[in-house]
């Protein structure tokens, strides 16, 4: 009978959720790259009208940034067991 070497090397598999996250991120990057290249090509054509952003865009951006800051501060307050500050920041968010 022949001697058979069996390797004890284990293969590590990626968790399905992590794999799905990587696929989703790759898809979003590809979509963003495609839209950016389409914008660049289209903006160099004759008859292109410049796009101006509405004021509501800037307002919503400021609201999102402030909300992100308050949620981070609330998380820190929760970790420090400061529940009164945590509740206040969650209400503000």
PDB file of N, CA and C in Angstrom:
ATOM      1  N   UNK A   1       0.830  -1.162   0.000  1.00  0.00           N
ATOM      2  CA  UNK A   1       0.000   0.000   0.000  1.00  0.00           C
ATOM      3  C   UNK A   1       0.889   1.245   0.000  1.00  0.00           C
ATOM      4  N   UNK A   2       0.457   2.260  -0.732  1.00  0.00           N
ATOM      5  CA  UNK A   2       1.234   3.496  -0.805  1.00  0.00           C
ATOM      6  C   UNK A   2       0.955   4.369   0.399  1.00  0.00           C
ATOM      7  N   UNK A   3       1.991   5.097   0.783  1.00  0.00           N
ATOM      8  CA  UNK A   3       1.806   6.077   1.848  1.00  0.00           C
ATOM      9  C   UNK A   3       1.185   7.332   1.258  1.00  0.00           C
ATOM     10  N   UNK A   4       0.171   7.802   1.893  1.00  0.00           N
ATOM     11  CA  UNK A   4      -0.518   9.002   1.428  1.00  0.00           C
ATOM     12  C   UNK A   4      -0.281  10.104   2.452  1.00  0.00           C
ATOM     13  N   UNK A   5       0.257  11.214   1.968  1.00  0.00           N
ATOM     14  CA  UNK A   5       0.463  12.371   2.833  1.00  0.00           C
ATOM     15  C   UNK A   5      -0.814  13.195   2.871  1.00  0.00           C
ATOM     16  N   UNK A   6      -1.319  13.389   4.025  1.00  0.00           N
ATOM     17  CA  UNK A   6      -2.501  14.220   4.187  1.00  0.00           C
ATOM     18  C   UNK A   6      -2.054  15.496   4.878  1.00  0.00           C
ATOM     19  N   UNK A   7      -2.287  16.587   4.226  1.00  0.00           N
ATOM     20  CA  UNK A   7      -1.867  17.869   4.775  1.00  0.00           C
ATOM     21  C   UNK A   7      -2.877  18.335   5.813  1.00  0.00           C
ATOM     22  N   UNK A   8      -2.377  18.905   6.853  1.00  0.00           N
ATOM     23  CA  UNK A   8      -3.244  19.452   7.892  1.00  0.00           C
ATOM     24  C   UNK A   8      -3.536  20.935   7.660  1.00  0.00           C
ATOM     25  N   UNK A   9      -3.166  21.414   6.501  1.00  0.00           N
ATOM     26  CA  UNK A   9      -3.400  22.825   6.202  1.00  0.00           C
ATOM     27  C   UNK A   9      -4.903  23.064   6.107  1.00  0.00           C
ATOM     28  N   UNK A  10      -5.333  24.075   6.786  1.00  0.00           N
ATOM     29  CA  UNK A  10      -6.751  24.412   6.740  1.00  0.00           C
ATOM     30  C   UNK A  10      -6.929  25.625   5.850  1.00  0.00           C
ATOM     31  N   UNK A  11      -7.992  25.603   5.113  1.00  0.00           N
ATOM     32  CA  UNK A  11      -8.295  26.754   4.267  1.00  0.00           C
ATOM     33  C   UNK A  11      -9.292  27.628   5.003  1.00  0.00           C
ATOM     34  N   UNK A  12      -9.044  28.902   4.948  1.00  0.00           N
ATOM     35  CA  UNK A  12      -9.949  29.839   5.596  1.00  0.00           C
ATOM     36  C   UNK A  12     -10.921  30.364   4.563  1.00  0.00           C
ATOM     37  N   UNK A  13     -12.171  30.314   4.919  1.00  0.00           N
ATOM     38  CA  UNK A  13     -13.207  30.800   4.023  1.00  0.00           C
ATOM     39  C   UNK A  13     -13.728  32.132   4.532  1.00  0.00           C
ATOM     40  N   UNK A  14     -14.084  32.979   3.585  1.00  0.00           N
ATOM     41  CA  UNK A  14     -14.628  34.276   3.938  1.00  0.00           C
ATOM     42  C   UNK A  14     -16.097  34.100   4.329  1.00  0.00           C
ATOM     43  N   UNK A  15     -16.510  34.830   5.345  1.00  0.00           N
ATOM     44  CA  UNK A  15     -17.907  34.782   5.773  1.00  0.00           C
ATOM     45  C   UNK A  15     -18.795  35.278   4.629  1.00  0.00           C
ATOM     46  N   UNK A  16     -19.945  34.657   4.403  1.00  0.00           N
ATOM     47  CA  UNK A  16     -20.813  35.063   3.289  1.00  0.00           C
ATOM     48  C   UNK A  16     -21.235  36.527   3.339  1.00  0.00           C
ATOM     49  N   UNK A  17     -21.469  37.063   4.531  1.00  0.00           N
ATOM     50  CA  UNK A  17     -21.860  38.475   4.627  1.00  0.00           C
ATOM     51  C   UNK A  17     -20.720  39.393   4.201  1.00  0.00           C
ATOM     52  N   UNK A  18     -19.509  39.036   4.581  1.00  0.00           N
ATOM     53  CA  UNK A  18     -18.345  39.840   4.202  1.00  0.00           C
ATOM     54  C   UNK A  18     -18.136  39.776   2.692  1.00  0.00           C
ATOM     55  N   UNK A  19     -18.312  38.598   2.120  1.00  0.00           N
ATOM     56  CA  UNK A  19     -18.176  38.447   0.673  1.00  0.00           C
ATOM     57  C   UNK A  19     -19.225  39.286  -0.057  1.00  0.00           C
ATOM     58  N   UNK A  20     -20.460  39.252   0.436  1.00  0.00           N
ATOM     59  CA  UNK A  20     -21.532  40.048  -0.169  1.00  0.00           C
ATOM     60  C   UNK A  20     -21.228  41.535  -0.058  1.00  0.00           C
ATOM     61  N   UNK A  21     -20.674  41.948   1.065  1.00  0.00           N
ATOM     62  CA  UNK A  21     -20.300  43.351   1.240  1.00  0.00           C
ATOM     63  C   UNK A  21     -19.247  43.766   0.221  1.00  0.00           C
ATOM     64  N   UNK A  22     -18.243  42.921  -0.006  1.00  0.00           N
ATOM     65  CA  UNK A  22     -17.207  43.229  -0.994  1.00  0.00           C
ATOM     66  C   UNK A  22     -17.795  43.304  -2.405  1.00  0.00           C
ATOM     67  N   UNK A  23     -18.715  42.411  -2.728  1.00  0.00           N
ATOM     68  CA  UNK A  23     -19.364  42.442  -4.048  1.00  0.00           C
ATOM     69  C   UNK A  23     -20.163  43.738  -4.205  1.00  0.00           C
ATOM     70  N   UNK A  24     -20.909  44.119  -3.173  1.00  0.00           N
ATOM     71  CA  UNK A  24     -21.703  45.343  -3.233  1.00  0.00           C
ATOM     72  C   UNK A  24     -20.811  46.573  -3.375  1.00  0.00           C
ATOM     73  N   UNK A  25     -19.716  46.617  -2.616  1.00  0.00           N
ATOM     74  CA  UNK A  25     -18.807  47.761  -2.717  1.00  0.00           C
ATOM     75  C   UNK A  25     -18.172  47.834  -4.100  1.00  0.00           C
ATOM     76  N   UNK A  26     -17.783  46.692  -4.641  1.00  0.00           N
ATOM     77  CA  UNK A  26     -17.224  46.669  -5.993  1.00  0.00           C
ATOM     78  C   UNK A  26     -18.228  47.151  -7.023  1.00  0.00           C
ATOM     79  N   UNK A  27     -19.480  46.738  -6.874  1.00  0.00           N
ATOM     80  CA  UNK A  27     -20.525  47.173  -7.798  1.00  0.00           C
ATOM     81  C   UNK A  27     -20.742  48.674  -7.720  1.00  0.00           C
ATOM     82  N   UNK A  28     -20.758  49.209  -6.507  1.00  0.00           N
ATOM     83  CA  UNK A  28     -20.942  50.651  -6.346  1.00  0.00           C
ATOM     84  C   UNK A  28     -19.778  51.441  -6.929  1.00  0.00           C
ATOM     85  N   UNK A  29     -18.570  50.949  -6.746  1.00  0.00           N
ATOM     86  CA  UNK A  29     -17.399  51.622  -7.312  1.00  0.00           C
ATOM     87  C   UNK A  29     -17.467  51.608  -8.831  1.00  0.00           C
ATOM     88  N   UNK A  30     -17.852  50.478  -9.406  1.00  0.00           N
ATOM     89  CA  UNK A  30     -17.959  50.393 -10.867  1.00  0.00           C
ATOM     90  C   UNK A  30     -19.053  51.320 -11.392  1.00  0.00           C
ATOM     91  N   UNK A  31     -20.191  51.393 -10.695  1.00  0.00           N
ATOM     92  CA  UNK A  31     -21.272  52.275 -11.121  1.00  0.00           C
ATOM     93  C   UNK A  31     -20.830  53.737 -11.039  1.00  0.00           C
ATOM     94  N   UNK A  32     -20.167  54.110  -9.946  1.00  0.00           N
ATOM     95  CA  UNK A  32     -19.693  55.478  -9.790  1.00  0.00           C
ATOM     96  C   UNK A  32     -18.680  55.829 -10.875  1.00  0.00           C
ATOM     97  N   UNK A  33     -17.778  54.909 -11.180  1.00  0.00           N
ATOM     98  CA  UNK A  33     -16.783  55.153 -12.231  1.00  0.00           C
ATOM     99  C   UNK A  33     -17.460  55.318 -13.585  1.00  0.00           C
ATOM    100  N   UNK A  34     -18.460  54.497 -13.864  1.00  0.00           N
ATOM    101  CA  UNK A  34     -19.183  54.606 -15.132  1.00  0.00           C
ATOM    102  C   UNK A  34     -19.929  55.920 -15.255  1.00  0.00           C
ATOM    103  N   UNK A  35     -20.608  56.327 -14.190  1.00  0.00           N
ATOM    104  CA  UNK A  35     -21.336  57.594 -14.230  1.00  0.00           C
ATOM    105  C   UNK A  35     -20.383  58.781 -14.334  1.00  0.00           C
ATOM    106  N   UNK A  36     -19.248  58.707 -13.660  1.00  0.00           N
ATOM    107  CA  UNK A  36     -18.259  59.780 -13.744  1.00  0.00           C
ATOM    108  C   UNK A  36     -17.694  59.892 -15.148  1.00  0.00           C
ATOM    109  N   UNK A  37     -17.358  58.764 -15.758  1.00  0.00           N
ATOM    110  CA  UNK A  37     -16.817  58.815 -17.119  1.00  0.00           C
ATOM    111  C   UNK A  37     -17.872  59.296 -18.105  1.00  0.00           C
ATOM    112  N   UNK A  38     -19.126  58.906 -17.916  1.00  0.00           N
ATOM    113  CA  UNK A  38     -20.196  59.394 -18.792  1.00  0.00           C
ATOM    114  C   UNK A  38     -20.361  60.902 -18.646  1.00  0.00           C
ATOM    115  N   UNK A  39     -20.266  61.406 -17.431  1.00  0.00           N
ATOM    116  CA  UNK A  39     -20.367  62.845 -17.202  1.00  0.00           C
ATOM    117  C   UNK A  39     -19.229  63.585 -17.887  1.00  0.00           C
ATOM    118  N   UNK A  40     -18.016  63.063 -17.772  1.00  0.00           N
ATOM    119  CA  UNK A  40     -16.857  63.720 -18.387  1.00  0.00           C
ATOM    120  C   UNK A  40     -16.996  63.743 -19.901  1.00  0.00           C
ATOM    121  N   UNK A  41     -17.397  62.629 -20.489  1.00  0.00           N
ATOM    122  CA  UNK A  41     -17.555  62.567 -21.948  1.00  0.00           C
ATOM    123  C   UNK A  41     -18.676  63.490 -22.394  1.00  0.00           C
ATOM    124  N   UNK A  42     -19.798  63.456 -21.700  1.00  0.00           N
ATOM    125  CA  UNK A  42     -20.961  64.253 -22.100  1.00  0.00           C
ATOM    126  C   UNK A  42     -20.709  65.745 -21.909  1.00  0.00           C
ATOM    127  N   UNK A  43     -19.966  66.126 -20.877  1.00  0.00           N
ATOM    128  CA  UNK A  43     -19.755  67.549 -20.608  1.00  0.00           C
ATOM    129  C   UNK A  43     -18.855  68.211 -21.644  1.00  0.00           C
ATOM    130  N   UNK A  44     -18.104  67.433 -22.406  1.00  0.00           N
ATOM    131  CA  UNK A  44     -17.242  68.000 -23.443  1.00  0.00           C
ATOM    132  C   UNK A  44     -17.943  68.121 -24.784  1.00  0.00           C
ATOM    133  N   UNK A  45     -19.192  67.716 -24.873  1.00  0.00           N
ATOM    134  CA  UNK A  45     -19.916  67.805 -26.136  1.00  0.00           C
ATOM    135  C   UNK A  45     -20.547  69.182 -26.297  1.00  0.00           C
ATOM    136  N   UNK A  46     -20.821  69.518 -27.552  1.00  0.00           N
ATOM    137  CA  UNK A  46     -21.443  70.803 -27.864  1.00  0.00           C
ATOM    138  C   UNK A  46     -22.881  70.787 -27.346  1.00  0.00           C
ATOM    139  N   UNK A  47     -23.324  71.901 -26.820  1.00  0.00           N
ATOM    140  CA  UNK A  47     -24.688  72.014 -26.337  1.00  0.00           C
ATOM    141  C   UNK A  47     -24.859  71.595 -24.887  1.00  0.00           C
ATOM    142  N   UNK A  48     -23.770  71.280 -24.222  1.00  0.00           N
ATOM    143  CA  UNK A  48     -23.860  70.873 -22.822  1.00  0.00           C
ATOM    144  C   UNK A  48     -24.150  72.090 -21.961  1.00  0.00           C
ATOM    145  N   UNK A  49     -25.156  71.972 -21.127  1.00  0.00           N
ATOM    146  CA  UNK A  49     -25.498  73.059 -20.214  1.00  0.00           C
ATOM    147  C   UNK A  49     -24.927  72.725 -18.841  1.00  0.00           C
ATOM    148  N   UNK A  50     -24.219  73.671 -18.234  1.00  0.00           N
ATOM    149  CA  UNK A  50     -23.647  73.390 -16.913  1.00  0.00           C
ATOM    150  C   UNK A  50     -24.739  73.096 -15.881  1.00  0.00           C
ATOM    151  N   UNK A  51     -24.426  72.201 -14.984  1.00  0.00           N
ATOM    152  CA  UNK A  51     -25.376  71.802 -13.955  1.00  0.00           C
ATOM    153  C   UNK A  51     -25.093  72.605 -12.692  1.00  0.00           C
ATOM    154  N   UNK A  52     -26.131  73.205 -12.142  1.00  0.00           N
ATOM    155  CA  UNK A  52     -25.972  73.920 -10.868  1.00  0.00           C
ATOM    156  C   UNK A  52     -26.749  73.159  -9.798  1.00  0.00           C
ATOM    157  N   UNK A  53     -26.154  73.095  -8.625  1.00  0.00           N
ATOM    158  CA  UNK A  53     -26.782  72.361  -7.532  1.00  0.00           C
ATOM    159  C   UNK A  53     -27.816  73.234  -6.833  1.00  0.00           C
ATOM    160  N   UNK A  54     -28.967  72.676  -6.517  1.00  0.00           N
ATOM    161  CA  UNK A  54     -29.977  73.453  -5.783  1.00  0.00           C
ATOM    162  C   UNK A  54     -29.541  73.674  -4.332  1.00  0.00           C
ATOM    163  N   UNK A  55     -30.107  74.693  -3.710  1.00  0.00           N
ATOM    164  CA  UNK A  55     -29.741  75.026  -2.328  1.00  0.00           C
ATOM    165  C   UNK A  55     -30.098  73.915  -1.348  1.00  0.00           C
ATOM    166  N   UNK A  56     -31.151  73.162  -1.645  1.00  0.00           N
ATOM    167  CA  UNK A  56     -31.561  72.085  -0.742  1.00  0.00           C
ATOM    168  C   UNK A  56     -30.473  71.016  -0.640  1.00  0.00           C
ATOM    169  N   UNK A  57     -29.640  70.878  -1.653  1.00  0.00           N
ATOM    170  CA  UNK A  57     -28.523  69.933  -1.598  1.00  0.00           C
ATOM    171  C   UNK A  57     -27.568  70.309  -0.476  1.00  0.00           C
ATOM    172  N   UNK A  58     -27.237  71.582  -0.371  1.00  0.00           N
ATOM    173  CA  UNK A  58     -26.306  72.032   0.666  1.00  0.00           C
ATOM    174  C   UNK A  58     -26.933  71.893   2.048  1.00  0.00           C
ATOM    175  N   UNK A  59     -28.216  72.184   2.161  1.00  0.00           N
ATOM    176  CA  UNK A  59     -28.904  72.048   3.450  1.00  0.00           C
ATOM    177  C   UNK A  59     -28.906  70.588   3.895  1.00  0.00           C
ATOM    178  N   UNK A  60     -29.246  69.686   2.987  1.00  0.00           N
ATOM    179  CA  UNK A  60     -29.290  68.265   3.348  1.00  0.00           C
ATOM    180  C   UNK A  60     -27.900  67.738   3.689  1.00  0.00           C
ATOM    181  N   UNK A  61     -26.878  68.231   3.007  1.00  0.00           N
ATOM    182  CA  UNK A  61     -25.508  67.814   3.317  1.00  0.00           C
ATOM    183  C   UNK A  61     -25.118  68.239   4.726  1.00  0.00           C
ATOM    184  N   UNK A  62     -25.447  69.461   5.094  1.00  0.00           N
ATOM    185  CA  UNK A  62     -25.140  69.956   6.440  1.00  0.00           C
ATOM    186  C   UNK A  62     -25.895  69.146   7.491  1.00  0.00           C
ATOM    187  N   UNK A  63     -27.160  68.826   7.219  1.00  0.00           N
ATOM    188  CA  UNK A  63     -27.955  68.032   8.165  1.00  0.00           C
ATOM    189  C   UNK A  63     -27.347  66.642   8.347  1.00  0.00           C
ATOM    190  N   UNK A  64     -26.911  66.027   7.263  1.00  0.00           N
ATOM    191  CA  UNK A  64     -26.312  64.689   7.339  1.00  0.00           C
ATOM    192  C   UNK A  64     -25.011  64.723   8.136  1.00  0.00           C
ATOM    193  N   UNK A  65     -24.174  65.725   7.900  1.00  0.00           N
ATOM    194  CA  UNK A  65     -22.898  65.828   8.624  1.00  0.00           C
ATOM    195  C   UNK A  65     -23.141  66.060  10.116  1.00  0.00           C
ATOM    196  N   UNK A  66     -24.064  66.957  10.449  1.00  0.00           N
ATOM    197  CA  UNK A  66     -24.361  67.213  11.862  1.00  0.00           C
ATOM    198  C   UNK A  66     -24.969  65.985  12.534  1.00  0.00           C
ATOM    199  N   UNK A  67     -25.825  65.282  11.831  1.00  0.00           N
ATOM    200  CA  UNK A  67     -26.418  64.062  12.375  1.00  0.00           C
ATOM    201  C   UNK A  67     -25.359  62.995  12.617  1.00  0.00           C
ATOM    202  N   UNK A  68     -24.405  62.896  11.707  1.00  0.00           N
ATOM    203  CA  UNK A  68     -23.309  61.941  11.891  1.00  0.00           C
ATOM    204  C   UNK A  68     -22.480  62.296  13.117  1.00  0.00           C
ATOM    205  N   UNK A  69     -22.219  63.582  13.303  1.00  0.00           N
ATOM    206  CA  UNK A  69     -21.431  64.013  14.463  1.00  0.00           C
ATOM    207  C   UNK A  69     -22.165  63.717  15.765  1.00  0.00           C
ATOM    208  N   UNK A  70     -23.471  63.959  15.806  1.00  0.00           N
ATOM    209  CA  UNK A  70     -24.212  63.696  17.041  1.00  0.00           C
ATOM    210  C   UNK A  70     -24.335  62.200  17.322  1.00  0.00           C
ATOM    211  N   UNK A  71     -24.436  61.377  16.300  1.00  0.00           N
ATOM    212  CA  UNK A  71     -24.528  59.931  16.533  1.00  0.00           C
ATOM    213  C   UNK A  71     -23.195  59.386  17.051  1.00  0.00           C
ATOM    214  N   UNK A  72     -22.082  59.939  16.564  1.00  0.00           N
ATOM    215  CA  UNK A  72     -20.763  59.523  17.068  1.00  0.00           C
ATOM    216  C   UNK A  72     -20.598  59.966  18.522  1.00  0.00           C
ATOM    217  N   UNK A  73     -21.017  61.192  18.823  1.00  0.00           N
ATOM    218  CA  UNK A  73     -20.938  61.675  20.205  1.00  0.00           C
ATOM    219  C   UNK A  73     -21.843  60.847  21.117  1.00  0.00           C
ATOM    220  N   UNK A  74     -23.006  60.447  20.628  1.00  0.00           N
ATOM    221  CA  UNK A  74     -23.913  59.605  21.418  1.00  0.00           C
ATOM    222  C   UNK A  74     -23.290  58.242  21.683  1.00  0.00           C
ATOM    223  N   UNK A  75     -22.615  57.699  20.701  1.00  0.00           N
ATOM    224  CA  UNK A  75     -21.960  56.403  20.881  1.00  0.00           C
ATOM    225  C   UNK A  75     -20.865  56.499  21.948  1.00  0.00           C
ATOM    226  N   UNK A  76     -20.102  57.571  21.914  1.00  0.00           N
ATOM    227  CA  UNK A  76     -19.054  57.764  22.930  1.00  0.00           C
ATOM    228  C   UNK A  76     -19.661  57.930  24.322  1.00  0.00           C
ATOM    229  N   UNK A  77     -20.763  58.679  24.399  1.00  0.00           N
ATOM    230  CA  UNK A  77     -21.427  58.857  25.693  1.00  0.00           C
ATOM    231  C   UNK A  77     -21.949  57.524  26.215  1.00  0.00           C
ATOM    232  N   UNK A  78     -22.464  56.691  25.335  1.00  0.00           N
ATOM    233  CA  UNK A  78     -22.963  55.377  25.743  1.00  0.00           C
ATOM    234  C   UNK A  78     -21.829  54.496  26.257  1.00  0.00           C
ATOM    235  N   UNK A  79     -20.691  54.532  25.561  1.00  0.00           N
ATOM    236  CA  UNK A  79     -19.539  53.729  26.000  1.00  0.00           C
ATOM    237  C   UNK A  79     -19.016  54.191  27.358  1.00  0.00           C
ATOM    238  N   UNK A  80     -19.131  55.497  27.627  1.00  0.00           N
ATOM    239  CA  UNK A  80     -18.686  56.049  28.910  1.00  0.00           C
ATOM    240  C   UNK A  80     -19.774  55.964  29.981  1.00  0.00           C
ATOM    241  N   UNK A  81     -20.873  55.301  29.660  1.00  0.00           N
ATOM    242  CA  UNK A  81     -22.006  55.101  30.573  1.00  0.00           C
ATOM    243  C   UNK A  81     -22.625  56.422  31.027  1.00  0.00           C
ATOM    244  N   UNK A  82     -22.620  57.401  30.152  1.00  0.00           N
ATOM    245  CA  UNK A  82     -23.259  58.682  30.422  1.00  0.00           C
ATOM    246  C   UNK A  82     -24.613  58.665  29.710  1.00  0.00           C
ATOM    247  N   UNK A  83     -25.599  58.038  30.349  1.00  0.00           N
ATOM    248  CA  UNK A  83     -26.877  57.782  29.689  1.00  0.00           C
ATOM    249  C   UNK A  83     -27.699  59.045  29.447  1.00  0.00           C
ATOM    250  N   UNK A  84     -27.578  60.042  30.310  1.00  0.00           N
ATOM    251  CA  UNK A  84     -28.340  61.277  30.104  1.00  0.00           C
ATOM    252  C   UNK A  84     -27.880  61.977  28.824  1.00  0.00           C
ATOM    253  N   UNK A  85     -26.579  62.085  28.650  1.00  0.00           N
ATOM    254  CA  UNK A  85     -26.035  62.694  27.426  1.00  0.00           C
ATOM    255  C   UNK A  85     -26.369  61.846  26.214  1.00  0.00           C
ATOM    256  N   UNK A  86     -26.292  60.536  26.385  1.00  0.00           N
ATOM    257  CA  UNK A  86     -26.621  59.618  25.286  1.00  0.00           C
ATOM    258  C   UNK A  86     -28.057  59.830  24.811  1.00  0.00           C
ATOM    259  N   UNK A  87     -28.987  59.878  25.744  1.00  0.00           N
ATOM    260  CA  UNK A  87     -30.401  60.067  25.378  1.00  0.00           C
ATOM    261  C   UNK A  87     -30.615  61.407  24.679  1.00  0.00           C
ATOM    262  N   UNK A  88     -29.997  62.452  25.218  1.00  0.00           N
ATOM    263  CA  UNK A  88     -30.143  63.781  24.619  1.00  0.00           C
ATOM    264  C   UNK A  88     -29.614  63.798  23.188  1.00  0.00           C
ATOM    265  N   UNK A  89     -28.436  63.228  22.983  1.00  0.00           N
ATOM    266  CA  UNK A  89     -27.848  63.224  21.641  1.00  0.00           C
ATOM    267  C   UNK A  89     -28.653  62.360  20.673  1.00  0.00           C
ATOM    268  N   UNK A  90     -29.232  61.273  21.159  1.00  0.00           N
ATOM    269  CA  UNK A  90     -30.065  60.447  20.284  1.00  0.00           C
ATOM    270  C   UNK A  90     -31.345  61.182  19.894  1.00  0.00           C
ATOM    271  N   UNK A  91     -31.894  61.964  20.802  1.00  0.00           N
ATOM    272  CA  UNK A  91     -33.081  62.762  20.468  1.00  0.00           C
ATOM    273  C   UNK A  91     -32.722  63.830  19.451  1.00  0.00           C
ATOM    274  N   UNK A  92     -31.567  64.471  19.633  1.00  0.00           N
ATOM    275  CA  UNK A  92     -31.123  65.513  18.694  1.00  0.00           C
ATOM    276  C   UNK A  92     -30.879  64.918  17.311  1.00  0.00           C
ATOM    277  N   UNK A  93     -30.335  63.715  17.293  1.00  0.00           N
ATOM    278  CA  UNK A  93     -30.056  63.065  16.014  1.00  0.00           C
ATOM    279  C   UNK A  93     -31.353  62.784  15.307  1.00  0.00           C
TER     280      UNK A  93
END
